Protein backbone atom coordinates (compact mmCIF):
# COMPACT_ATOMS: atom_id res chain seq x y z
CA MET A 1 0.00 0.00 0.00
CA LYS A 2 2.93 2.35 -0.48
CA PHE A 3 0.99 4.32 -3.04
CA LEU A 4 -1.20 5.65 -0.22
CA ALA A 5 1.77 7.48 1.25
CA LEU A 6 2.24 9.25 -2.07
CA LEU A 7 -1.32 10.47 -1.82
CA GLY A 8 -0.80 11.91 1.64
CA ILE A 9 -2.14 8.89 3.53
CA ALA A 10 1.14 8.04 5.14
CA SER A 11 0.33 5.37 7.68
CA LEU A 12 -1.65 2.18 7.99
CA SER A 13 -3.30 1.48 11.29
CA SER A 14 -5.22 -1.26 12.99
CA ALA A 15 -8.50 -0.55 14.73
CA ALA A 16 -7.87 1.59 17.78
CA ALA A 17 -9.31 0.88 21.17
CA THR A 18 -11.77 3.65 22.00
CA PRO A 19 -11.01 5.20 25.42
CA HIS A 20 -13.81 5.78 27.89
CA PRO A 21 -15.04 9.41 27.52
CA SER A 22 -14.16 10.19 31.14
CA GLU A 23 -10.49 9.56 30.37
CA LEU A 24 -10.40 12.15 27.59
CA GLU A 25 -10.42 15.89 27.35
CA THR A 26 -13.85 17.26 26.45
CA VAL A 27 -15.22 15.79 23.23
CA ASN A 28 -18.63 16.12 21.59
CA THR A 29 -19.96 13.21 19.56
CA SER A 30 -23.51 14.45 19.00
CA LEU A 31 -24.86 16.13 15.88
CA SER A 32 -27.99 18.24 16.28
CA PRO A 33 -30.80 17.14 13.93
CA SER A 34 -32.05 20.75 13.88
CA HIS A 35 -28.71 22.06 12.57
CA PRO A 36 -28.88 21.83 8.73
CA ALA A 37 -25.23 20.95 8.11
CA SER A 38 -25.16 18.50 11.02
CA ALA A 39 -28.32 16.74 9.87
CA GLN A 40 -26.99 16.46 6.32
CA PHE A 41 -23.68 15.17 7.67
CA SER A 42 -25.42 12.40 9.60
CA THR A 43 -27.24 11.29 6.47
CA TRP A 44 -24.10 11.45 4.32
CA LEU A 45 -22.06 9.43 6.84
CA SER A 46 -24.69 6.70 6.99
CA VAL A 47 -24.79 6.42 3.19
CA PHE A 48 -21.00 6.65 2.88
CA ASN A 49 -20.50 3.90 5.46
CA SER A 50 -22.82 1.61 3.50
CA ALA A 51 -20.22 1.28 0.71
CA ASN A 52 -23.21 0.86 -1.60
CA LEU A 53 -22.61 2.50 -4.98
CA THR A 54 -26.32 2.67 -5.82
CA LEU A 55 -27.17 4.41 -2.54
CA LEU A 56 -24.24 6.81 -2.91
CA THR A 57 -25.17 7.66 -6.49
CA THR A 58 -28.79 8.35 -5.56
CA TYR A 59 -27.79 10.37 -2.49
CA HIS A 60 -25.35 12.60 -4.37
CA ALA A 61 -27.80 13.13 -7.23
CA GLU A 62 -30.41 14.39 -4.79
CA ASN A 63 -28.32 16.13 -2.12
CA THR A 64 -25.25 17.76 -3.66
CA THR A 65 -24.60 20.90 -5.65
CA CYS A 66 -20.90 20.65 -4.92
CA VAL A 67 -18.24 23.02 -6.10
CA GLU A 68 -15.46 21.12 -4.30
CA ASN A 69 -14.64 17.50 -3.44
CA CYS A 70 -18.00 15.81 -3.93
CA PRO A 71 -17.43 12.91 -3.99
CA ILE A 72 -14.42 13.00 -1.66
CA SER A 73 -12.21 11.20 -4.20
CA PRO A 74 -12.11 11.24 -8.02
CA SER A 75 -15.36 9.27 -8.34
CA LEU A 76 -18.07 7.57 -6.33
CA GLU A 77 -16.48 4.26 -7.34
CA HIS A 78 -13.31 5.45 -5.59
CA ASP A 79 -15.38 6.39 -2.52
CA VAL A 80 -16.77 2.86 -2.39
CA ALA A 81 -13.27 1.39 -2.75
CA LEU A 82 -12.04 3.63 0.09
CA ILE A 83 -14.78 2.73 2.56
CA THR A 84 -14.45 -0.95 1.63
CA ALA A 85 -10.76 -0.78 2.52
CA THR A 86 -11.16 1.27 5.70
CA GLY A 87 -14.36 -0.08 7.13
CA PRO A 88 -17.06 2.28 8.48
CA PHE A 89 -16.21 5.50 10.33
CA HIS A 90 -17.77 6.74 13.54
CA ILE A 91 -17.85 10.24 15.02
CA ALA A 92 -14.96 10.91 17.39
CA ASP A 93 -15.48 14.65 17.92
CA VAL A 94 -17.74 17.37 16.54
CA GLU A 95 -15.27 20.24 16.45
CA TYR A 96 -17.41 23.03 15.05
CA ALA A 97 -20.97 23.76 14.03
CA SER A 98 -21.67 27.26 12.71
CA GLU A 99 -24.46 29.32 14.25
CA ASN A 100 -26.04 29.91 10.84
CA GLY A 101 -26.30 26.17 10.20
CA THR A 102 -24.20 26.12 7.04
CA THR A 103 -21.03 24.43 8.25
CA VAL A 104 -19.92 21.53 10.39
CA SER A 105 -16.44 20.12 11.03
CA VAL A 106 -16.20 16.59 12.40
CA VAL A 107 -13.34 14.25 13.31
CA LEU A 108 -14.12 10.67 12.29
CA GLU A 109 -12.36 7.56 13.54
CA GLY A 110 -11.83 4.66 11.16
CA LYS A 111 -11.79 0.97 11.94
CA LYS A 112 -8.99 -0.28 9.72
CA PHE A 113 -6.45 1.98 8.12
CA LEU A 114 -7.48 5.64 8.11
CA ARG A 115 -7.38 6.18 11.83
CA TYR A 116 -8.65 9.75 12.02
CA VAL A 117 -9.97 12.08 9.34
CA ARG A 118 -11.35 15.59 9.53
CA VAL A 119 -14.43 16.21 7.40
CA LYS A 120 -15.78 19.68 6.74
CA MET A 121 -19.24 20.01 5.20
CA VAL A 122 -20.88 23.19 3.93
CA VAL A 123 -24.55 23.16 2.92
CA ASN A 124 -26.92 25.59 1.25
CA VAL A 125 -29.50 26.57 3.88
CA GLU A 126 -31.48 28.57 1.32
CA LYS A 127 -32.74 25.37 -0.31
CA GLU A 128 -35.23 23.06 1.35
CA ASN A 129 -33.11 19.90 1.26
CA HIS A 130 -29.91 21.72 2.35
CA PRO A 131 -27.72 20.32 -0.44
CA ILE A 132 -23.98 19.94 0.09
CA GLN A 133 -21.88 22.70 -1.46
CA GLN A 134 -18.49 21.60 -0.15
CA LEU A 135 -17.18 18.37 1.32
CA LEU A 136 -13.53 18.25 2.42
CA PHE A 137 -12.09 14.96 3.70
CA ARG A 138 -8.55 14.94 5.09
CA PRO A 139 -6.58 12.33 7.04
CA ILE A 140 -5.13 13.77 10.26
CA ASN A 141 -2.95 12.66 13.14
CA THR A 142 -4.56 11.47 16.36
CA PRO A 143 -5.82 14.62 18.11
CA LEU A 144 -4.16 15.07 21.50
CA LYS A 145 -7.58 15.31 23.13
CA MET A 146 -8.33 11.73 21.98
CA ILE A 147 -5.39 10.35 23.98
CA PRO A 148 -6.20 9.63 27.65
CA MET A 149 -4.20 11.57 30.23
CA SER A 150 -2.95 8.26 31.63
CA ASP A 151 -1.77 6.90 28.27
CA LYS A 152 1.99 6.39 28.18
CA THR A 153 2.17 7.70 24.61
CA ARG A 154 0.62 11.07 25.41
CA GLU A 155 3.97 12.64 26.32
CA SER A 156 5.41 11.61 22.94
CA TYR A 157 2.45 13.16 21.14
CA ALA A 158 2.69 16.36 23.16
CA LYS A 159 6.40 16.66 22.29
CA ALA A 160 5.72 16.15 18.59
CA TYR A 161 2.80 18.60 18.57
CA ARG A 162 4.64 21.44 20.32
CA PRO A 163 4.59 24.83 18.55
CA LEU A 164 7.40 25.42 16.08
CA SER A 165 10.09 27.95 16.89
CA GLU A 166 12.38 29.52 14.30
CA THR A 167 15.13 27.13 15.42
CA LEU A 168 12.90 24.08 14.90
CA ARG A 169 11.74 25.25 11.46
CA LYS A 170 15.36 25.81 10.40
CA LYS A 171 16.34 22.37 11.66
CA VAL A 172 13.60 20.75 9.54
CA VAL A 173 14.66 22.66 6.42
CA ASP A 174 18.36 21.94 6.98
CA GLU A 175 17.83 18.18 7.24
CA LEU A 176 15.43 18.18 4.26
CA THR A 177 17.83 20.07 2.00
CA THR A 178 20.73 17.83 3.03
CA LEU A 179 18.79 14.75 1.91
CA ILE A 180 17.88 16.40 -1.39
CA GLU A 181 21.51 17.29 -2.02
CA GLU A 182 22.74 13.78 -1.23
CA ARG A 183 20.03 11.66 -2.86
CA PHE A 184 17.94 13.44 -5.46
CA LEU A 185 18.05 12.06 -9.00
CA ASP A 186 18.44 15.50 -10.59
CA PRO A 187 21.25 17.38 -8.76
CA SER A 188 20.72 20.69 -10.59
CA LEU A 189 16.99 20.69 -9.87
CA GLY A 190 17.78 19.72 -6.30
CA GLN A 191 19.98 22.81 -5.92
CA GLU A 192 17.14 24.98 -7.25
CA ILE A 193 14.66 23.48 -4.78
CA ASN A 194 17.05 23.88 -1.84
CA ALA A 195 17.76 27.51 -2.74
CA ALA A 196 14.02 28.26 -2.82
CA LEU A 197 13.40 26.62 0.57
CA GLU A 198 16.25 28.54 2.20
CA ARG A 199 15.05 31.77 0.57
CA ASN A 200 11.56 31.27 1.99
CA MET A 201 12.65 30.89 5.62
CA LYS A 202 11.37 34.37 6.51
CA GLU A 203 7.92 33.47 5.16
CA TYR A 204 7.72 30.50 7.50
CA ARG A 205 7.87 32.59 10.67
CA GLY A 206 4.12 32.56 11.31
CA ILE A 207 3.76 28.78 10.97
CA ALA A 208 3.50 27.14 14.39
CA GLY A 209 2.12 23.70 13.55
CA SER A 210 4.21 20.88 12.09
CA ASP A 211 1.34 19.57 9.98
CA GLU A 212 0.82 23.00 8.40
CA PHE A 213 4.57 23.44 7.93
CA SER A 214 4.95 20.11 6.11
CA ILE A 215 2.15 21.10 3.75
CA ARG A 216 3.76 24.50 3.09
CA LEU A 217 7.13 22.88 2.35
CA MET A 218 5.47 20.56 -0.16
CA GLU A 219 3.74 23.53 -1.79
CA ASP A 220 7.05 25.37 -2.12
CA ILE A 221 8.72 22.33 -3.67
CA ARG A 222 5.86 21.97 -6.15
CA ALA A 223 6.12 25.65 -7.00
CA ILE A 224 9.57 24.88 -8.42
CA THR A 225 8.54 21.64 -10.12
CA ASP A 226 5.45 19.47 -10.13
CA ASN A 227 7.51 16.52 -11.17
CA ALA A 228 10.19 16.07 -8.51
CA HIS A 229 8.30 13.42 -6.49
CA ILE A 230 10.01 14.65 -3.33
CA ALA A 231 7.69 14.16 -0.36
CA ILE A 232 7.83 15.42 3.20
CA TRP A 233 5.13 14.71 5.74
CA PHE A 234 4.40 14.93 9.43
CA HIS A 235 2.56 11.88 10.69
CA GLU A 236 2.36 9.87 13.86
CA PRO A 237 4.52 6.73 13.78
CA TYR A 238 2.69 3.42 13.54
CA SER A 239 4.52 2.22 16.66
CA LEU A 240 2.80 4.89 18.76
CA GLN A 241 -0.61 4.08 17.29
CA SER A 242 -0.13 0.42 18.17
CA GLU A 243 0.78 1.27 21.77
CA GLN A 244 -2.62 2.95 22.17
CA ASP A 245 -4.50 -0.16 21.09
CA GLU A 246 -5.61 -2.53 23.83
CA LYS A 247 -4.69 -5.48 21.61
CA PRO A 248 -2.44 -4.35 18.77
CA SER A 249 -3.32 -6.22 15.62
CA PRO A 250 -0.53 -8.19 13.98
CA GLU A 251 0.31 -7.81 10.33
CA PRO A 252 -2.51 -9.27 8.23
CA GLU A 253 -2.17 -13.01 7.78
CA PHE A 254 -1.79 -14.36 4.28
CA ALA A 255 -5.31 -15.81 4.29
CA GLU A 256 -6.73 -12.40 5.24
CA LEU A 257 -4.75 -10.64 2.51
CA LEU A 258 -5.84 -13.21 -0.04
CA GLU A 259 -9.49 -12.69 0.90
CA GLN A 260 -9.04 -8.94 0.45
CA PHE A 261 -7.47 -9.47 -2.97
CA LYS A 262 -10.28 -11.83 -3.96
CA ALA A 263 -12.89 -9.31 -2.79
CA GLN A 264 -11.22 -6.75 -5.07
CA ASN A 265 -11.24 -9.30 -7.92
CA TYR A 266 -7.45 -8.95 -7.96
CA GLY A 267 -7.82 -5.35 -9.17
CA PHE A 268 -9.96 -6.14 -12.22
CA GLY A 269 -13.43 -4.85 -13.05
CA ASN A 270 -16.29 -6.78 -14.59
CA ILE A 271 -15.55 -8.20 -18.03
CA SER A 272 -18.07 -7.45 -20.78
CA LEU A 273 -18.33 -9.58 -23.91
CA ASP A 274 -19.84 -7.91 -26.97
CA THR A 275 -21.18 -10.47 -29.45
CA GLU A 276 -23.63 -8.13 -31.19
CA SER A 277 -21.44 -5.48 -32.83
CA LEU A 278 -20.03 -8.08 -35.23
CA PRO A 279 -21.94 -11.38 -35.36
CA GLY A 280 -19.68 -14.37 -35.01
CA ARG A 281 -16.97 -12.36 -33.24
CA THR A 282 -16.49 -11.43 -29.58
CA ILE A 283 -15.08 -8.10 -28.43
CA ALA A 284 -14.02 -8.28 -24.78
CA THR A 285 -13.66 -5.24 -22.52
CA LEU A 286 -11.46 -5.74 -19.46
CA PRO A 287 -11.22 -2.92 -16.87
CA ILE A 288 -8.08 -2.88 -14.71
CA ASN A 289 -8.73 -0.79 -11.61
CA GLY A 290 -5.71 -1.73 -9.52
CA PHE A 291 -2.43 -3.61 -9.53
CA ILE A 292 -2.25 -6.27 -6.84
CA PRO A 293 1.17 -7.59 -5.72
CA THR A 294 1.97 -10.74 -7.68
CA THR A 295 5.57 -11.63 -6.91
CA LYS A 296 4.97 -13.02 -3.41
CA PHE A 297 1.66 -14.80 -3.91
CA PRO A 298 1.20 -17.76 -6.29
CA GLU A 299 -2.53 -17.70 -5.49
CA VAL A 300 -2.75 -14.10 -6.72
CA ARG A 301 -0.88 -14.97 -9.91
CA ALA A 302 -3.29 -17.86 -10.45
CA GLY A 303 -6.29 -15.58 -9.89
CA ILE A 304 -5.03 -12.94 -12.31
CA GLY A 305 -4.03 -15.65 -14.77
CA ALA A 306 -7.57 -17.03 -14.72
CA ILE A 307 -9.00 -13.58 -15.45
CA MET A 308 -6.59 -12.99 -18.32
CA SER A 309 -7.31 -16.48 -19.68
CA SER A 310 -11.05 -15.79 -19.68
CA ILE A 311 -10.63 -13.24 -22.49
CA ALA A 312 -8.01 -15.19 -24.45
CA ASP A 313 -10.55 -16.61 -26.92
CA SER A 314 -12.02 -13.18 -27.74
CA SER A 315 -11.57 -11.82 -31.25
CA ALA A 316 -10.46 -8.40 -29.97
CA LEU A 317 -9.67 -6.92 -26.56
CA ILE A 318 -10.33 -3.49 -25.09
CA LEU A 319 -8.30 -2.77 -21.95
CA ASP A 320 -9.96 -0.07 -19.85
CA LEU A 321 -7.28 1.78 -17.86
CA ARG A 322 -9.22 5.00 -17.31
CA HIS A 323 -9.83 4.82 -13.56
CA PRO A 324 -7.13 2.90 -11.68
CA PHE A 325 -7.46 3.54 -7.94
CA SER A 326 -4.20 1.83 -7.00
CA SER A 327 -0.77 1.20 -8.37
CA GLY A 328 2.10 -1.17 -7.65
CA PRO A 329 5.62 -2.27 -8.56
CA ASP A 330 6.56 -2.60 -12.23
CA GLN A 331 6.76 -6.38 -11.80
CA ASN A 332 2.97 -6.47 -11.34
CA VAL A 333 2.60 -4.80 -14.73
CA ALA A 334 5.11 -7.23 -16.25
CA PHE A 335 2.97 -10.14 -15.09
CA ILE A 336 -0.07 -8.80 -16.96
CA LEU A 337 2.10 -8.03 -20.00
CA SER A 338 3.12 -11.69 -19.99
CA TYR A 339 -0.42 -12.50 -21.19
CA LEU A 340 -0.45 -9.81 -23.90
CA LEU A 341 3.06 -10.05 -25.36
CA ASP A 342 3.11 -13.46 -27.01
CA SER A 343 6.80 -14.31 -26.70
CA PRO A 344 8.19 -17.76 -25.80
CA ASP A 345 10.99 -16.12 -23.81
CA PRO A 346 10.98 -13.44 -21.10
CA LEU A 347 10.97 -9.88 -22.46
CA HIS A 348 13.03 -7.10 -20.87
CA ILE A 349 10.57 -4.33 -19.92
CA SER A 350 12.54 -1.80 -17.88
CA ASP A 351 15.41 -1.13 -15.49
CA ILE A 352 15.38 0.64 -12.14
CA VAL A 353 18.50 2.85 -12.09
CA ASP A 354 20.12 5.40 -9.77
CA ARG A 355 21.35 8.87 -10.72
CA ASP A 356 24.73 7.46 -11.76
CA GLY A 357 23.09 4.97 -14.13
CA TYR A 358 23.67 1.89 -11.99
CA VAL A 359 20.96 -0.74 -12.61
CA ASN A 360 19.37 -1.64 -9.29
CA LYS A 361 16.82 -4.08 -10.72
CA SER A 362 15.51 -5.25 -14.10
CA ILE A 363 11.86 -5.95 -14.87
CA VAL A 364 11.00 -8.81 -17.25
CA THR A 365 7.90 -10.69 -18.33
CA LEU A 366 7.41 -14.39 -17.69
CA SER A 367 7.99 -17.00 -20.36
CA ALA A 368 5.11 -19.24 -21.41
CA ASP A 369 6.21 -22.10 -19.14
CA GLN A 370 6.49 -19.76 -16.12
CA LEU A 371 2.83 -18.71 -16.24
CA PRO A 372 0.37 -20.35 -13.83
CA PHE A 373 -0.57 -23.83 -15.01
CA GLY A 374 -3.49 -23.96 -17.40
CA THR A 375 -3.61 -20.23 -18.12
CA VAL A 376 -3.70 -18.94 -21.69
CA ARG A 377 -2.35 -15.84 -23.44
CA PHE A 378 -4.28 -13.42 -25.65
CA ALA A 379 -2.75 -14.04 -29.08
CA ALA A 380 -0.41 -11.36 -30.44
CA GLU A 381 -2.11 -11.11 -33.84
CA LYS A 382 -5.48 -10.10 -32.36
CA PRO A 383 -6.51 -6.41 -32.19
CA LEU A 384 -5.86 -4.75 -28.82
CA PHE A 385 -7.18 -1.31 -27.85
CA VAL A 386 -6.48 0.63 -24.65
CA LEU A 387 -8.80 3.21 -23.08
CA THR A 388 -7.13 6.02 -21.11
CA SER A 389 -7.98 9.28 -19.33
CA ASN A 390 -6.21 11.96 -17.33
CA GLU A 391 -6.68 9.65 -14.31
CA THR A 392 -4.55 6.92 -15.91
CA TRP A 393 -1.40 6.95 -13.79
CA ASN A 394 1.79 5.10 -12.88
CA SER A 395 1.28 1.32 -13.27
CA ALA A 396 -1.56 1.78 -15.75
CA GLU A 397 0.66 4.17 -17.72
CA CYS A 398 3.51 1.66 -17.59
CA LEU A 399 1.19 -0.95 -19.08
CA VAL A 400 0.01 1.14 -22.04
CA TYR A 401 3.48 2.66 -22.57
CA SER A 402 5.01 -0.83 -22.78
CA LEU A 403 2.31 -2.15 -25.11
CA ARG A 404 3.00 0.75 -27.46
CA ALA A 405 6.79 0.35 -27.20
CA PHE A 406 6.49 -3.31 -28.20
CA GLY A 407 4.10 -2.44 -31.05
CA ARG A 408 1.34 -4.50 -29.43
CA VAL A 409 -1.44 -1.90 -29.11
CA THR A 410 -3.66 -1.31 -32.14
CA ALA A 411 -4.74 2.11 -30.85
CA VAL A 412 -4.81 4.10 -27.61
CA VAL A 413 -8.26 5.68 -27.35
CA GLY A 414 -8.36 8.50 -24.81
CA GLU A 415 -10.88 10.71 -23.11
CA THR A 416 -8.05 13.26 -23.17
CA ASN A 417 -4.91 13.83 -25.24
CA THR A 418 -2.57 12.27 -22.68
CA THR A 419 -2.53 10.30 -19.46
CA MET A 420 -1.49 11.79 -16.10
CA GLY A 421 2.27 11.48 -16.63
CA PHE A 422 3.11 10.15 -13.17
CA VAL A 423 5.91 7.71 -12.37
CA ALA A 424 5.87 6.67 -8.72
CA PRO A 425 9.21 7.47 -7.11
CA SER A 426 11.37 4.97 -5.31
CA PHE A 427 10.01 4.74 -1.79
CA ASP A 428 12.66 4.77 0.90
CA PRO A 429 11.52 7.33 3.49
CA VAL A 430 13.97 8.72 6.04
CA SER A 431 13.10 10.00 9.50
CA ILE A 432 14.47 13.47 10.26
CA VAL A 433 14.66 15.79 13.31
CA GLU A 434 14.24 12.79 15.62
CA GLU A 435 15.86 14.46 18.63
CA GLU A 436 13.47 17.40 18.44
CA PHE A 437 10.20 15.55 17.66
CA GLY A 438 10.76 11.82 18.12
CA LYS A 439 11.52 9.05 15.66
CA GLY A 440 9.27 8.70 12.65
CA TRP A 441 7.21 11.89 13.01
CA TRP A 442 8.89 13.93 10.28
CA MET A 443 9.51 11.76 7.21
CA VAL A 444 11.15 12.60 3.88
CA ASN A 445 11.18 10.60 0.68
CA VAL A 446 13.71 11.74 -1.92
CA PRO A 447 13.64 9.68 -5.14
CA SER A 448 17.00 8.03 -5.68
CA LEU A 449 15.92 5.53 -8.36
CA LYS A 450 13.96 5.85 -11.60
CA SER A 451 12.38 3.54 -14.14
CA VAL A 452 13.93 3.47 -17.62
CA HIS A 453 12.12 1.53 -20.32
CA ALA A 454 14.26 -1.06 -22.06
CA LEU A 455 13.11 -0.14 -25.58
CA THR A 456 12.80 3.65 -25.39
CA GLY A 457 15.44 4.60 -22.83
CA GLY A 458 12.91 6.91 -21.18
CA ASN A 459 9.49 6.87 -19.53
CA TRP A 460 6.22 8.81 -19.40
CA ASP A 461 7.02 10.96 -16.36
CA GLY A 462 5.68 14.50 -16.75
CA VAL A 463 4.45 13.93 -20.31
CA GLY A 464 2.04 11.01 -20.09
CA VAL A 465 1.14 8.58 -22.85
CA LYS A 466 -0.37 10.30 -25.87
CA SER A 467 -3.68 9.07 -27.27
CA ASP A 468 -3.81 7.89 -30.88
CA ILE A 469 -7.48 8.84 -30.97
CA VAL A 470 -9.41 11.20 -28.70
CA ALA A 471 -13.11 10.48 -28.43
CA GLY A 472 -15.22 13.34 -29.75
CA GLU A 473 -12.45 14.74 -31.94
CA GLY A 474 -11.42 14.46 -35.59
CA GLU A 475 -13.02 11.52 -37.36
CA TRP A 476 -14.85 10.70 -34.14
CA VAL A 477 -16.27 14.17 -33.47
CA GLU A 478 -19.79 12.78 -33.20
CA MET A 479 -18.81 9.91 -30.91
CA SER A 480 -17.71 11.04 -27.43
CA ASP A 481 -17.89 7.67 -25.66
CA VAL A 482 -14.41 6.09 -25.68
CA GLU A 483 -15.79 2.57 -25.32
CA GLU A 484 -18.04 3.10 -28.32
CA VAL A 485 -15.11 4.44 -30.35
CA ALA A 486 -12.95 1.45 -29.39
CA ARG A 487 -15.71 -1.04 -30.26
CA SER A 488 -16.14 0.62 -33.65
CA LEU A 489 -12.39 0.42 -34.23
CA ALA A 490 -12.40 -3.24 -33.19
CA VAL A 491 -15.18 -4.03 -35.67
CA ARG A 492 -13.19 -2.26 -38.38
CA ALA A 493 -9.99 -4.12 -37.46
CA LEU A 494 -11.83 -7.44 -37.61
CA GLY A 495 -12.96 -6.67 -41.14
CA GLY A 496 -16.56 -5.82 -40.51
CA ARG A 497 -18.73 -2.78 -41.30
CA ASP A 498 -16.13 -0.73 -43.17
CA GLU A 499 -18.50 2.20 -43.25
CA LEU A 500 -17.73 2.97 -39.57
């Protein structure tokens, strides 16, 4: 789940033991049904916790006129995936409810891996159903007020949460810039970033909170470049979270992980088989929504192999990579490519190299005899189309980029001109300013490795993968649905209905 850290969700947590209210500072867990925003929040939370896409869709259609973050993630499908992974949330503290009824801010506690989140909701009180205008959902550290006075970890939290002085801010910046200088893949860009951070020290004087300071530092880095992949965050260490639990949960057992992977259908969506567009032929559409780890789990490889085999007899294949909600190591992509690149021998996909060009690891496909027993490849001579969007990122981009590099994709059909253009950085976070805040509170990840494709010598970072065809443009100006465009192209490629 390392990709979550890249998205600002930097820690996984087991379910926390809920302290008795008398052991805590004052908290309020009640929402007034007569307060418009509070009442709407209660309804939203109930629907959100259901993880039911139909209920969520109906609710948002009837109760939102959002200008920001509705749903809380890129799509309602993503919302369902999130709540499925986290388990339901309950109210830990109602922090604020405006007198005019428009706004409420609530801290929620999760059961599985988002321990605490702050949700702010703004509603329109001028309309009868008080529709949501704004819904902001942000993971946060455990609030100090949620830690009992008698808890042995409270002192560590209090130390980490202390207000920042100029000396502490400078210490954070000094250790951050040292890591960038020593590790960053692009030394000249690293110097530019460091100079900007040191120049901005005077602007940091009014920032007293570490959480706010980490966000500001990230903003200043991104102001220099959106493509550095340097990350700095302030987040409670998992070890402290575990100490608060009455019975700290162990790492998930293999059987539990396997059940989770099965429940996610190993990252694949529902396959559709079109037998009507061209009688006698089958056009399969296979959505890939996530990239599950394959290298450690033979059962996962077998599950993915069975899914890939189920479309092997199709006349043409449409891979839908428009909405991946997770990513993973390049080897996961190579496993899927093993079913699409019909080579008897392993194919060299990419190398992971450092800034001096040293190859840390090479990524290759599996040969035919290395694939799970009984699984079948999709033949190389059959038409293959890939659907993309500006949400297509990292592993999904690696997949389509590699298919194009090997000449295997018939056409990339996009909702937009290019994909996101995001290559996940190497993930080797370092704890800084430990003496001042404690170990693991301030973390920095500076990319020291990059992926270089074996055939192109480059990658898609910052530029994305360009679409061959954009739905609703050019020849397809009257057809805005990418799936419809791809099906029409598949029919044409199979020799049917040339008038398309």
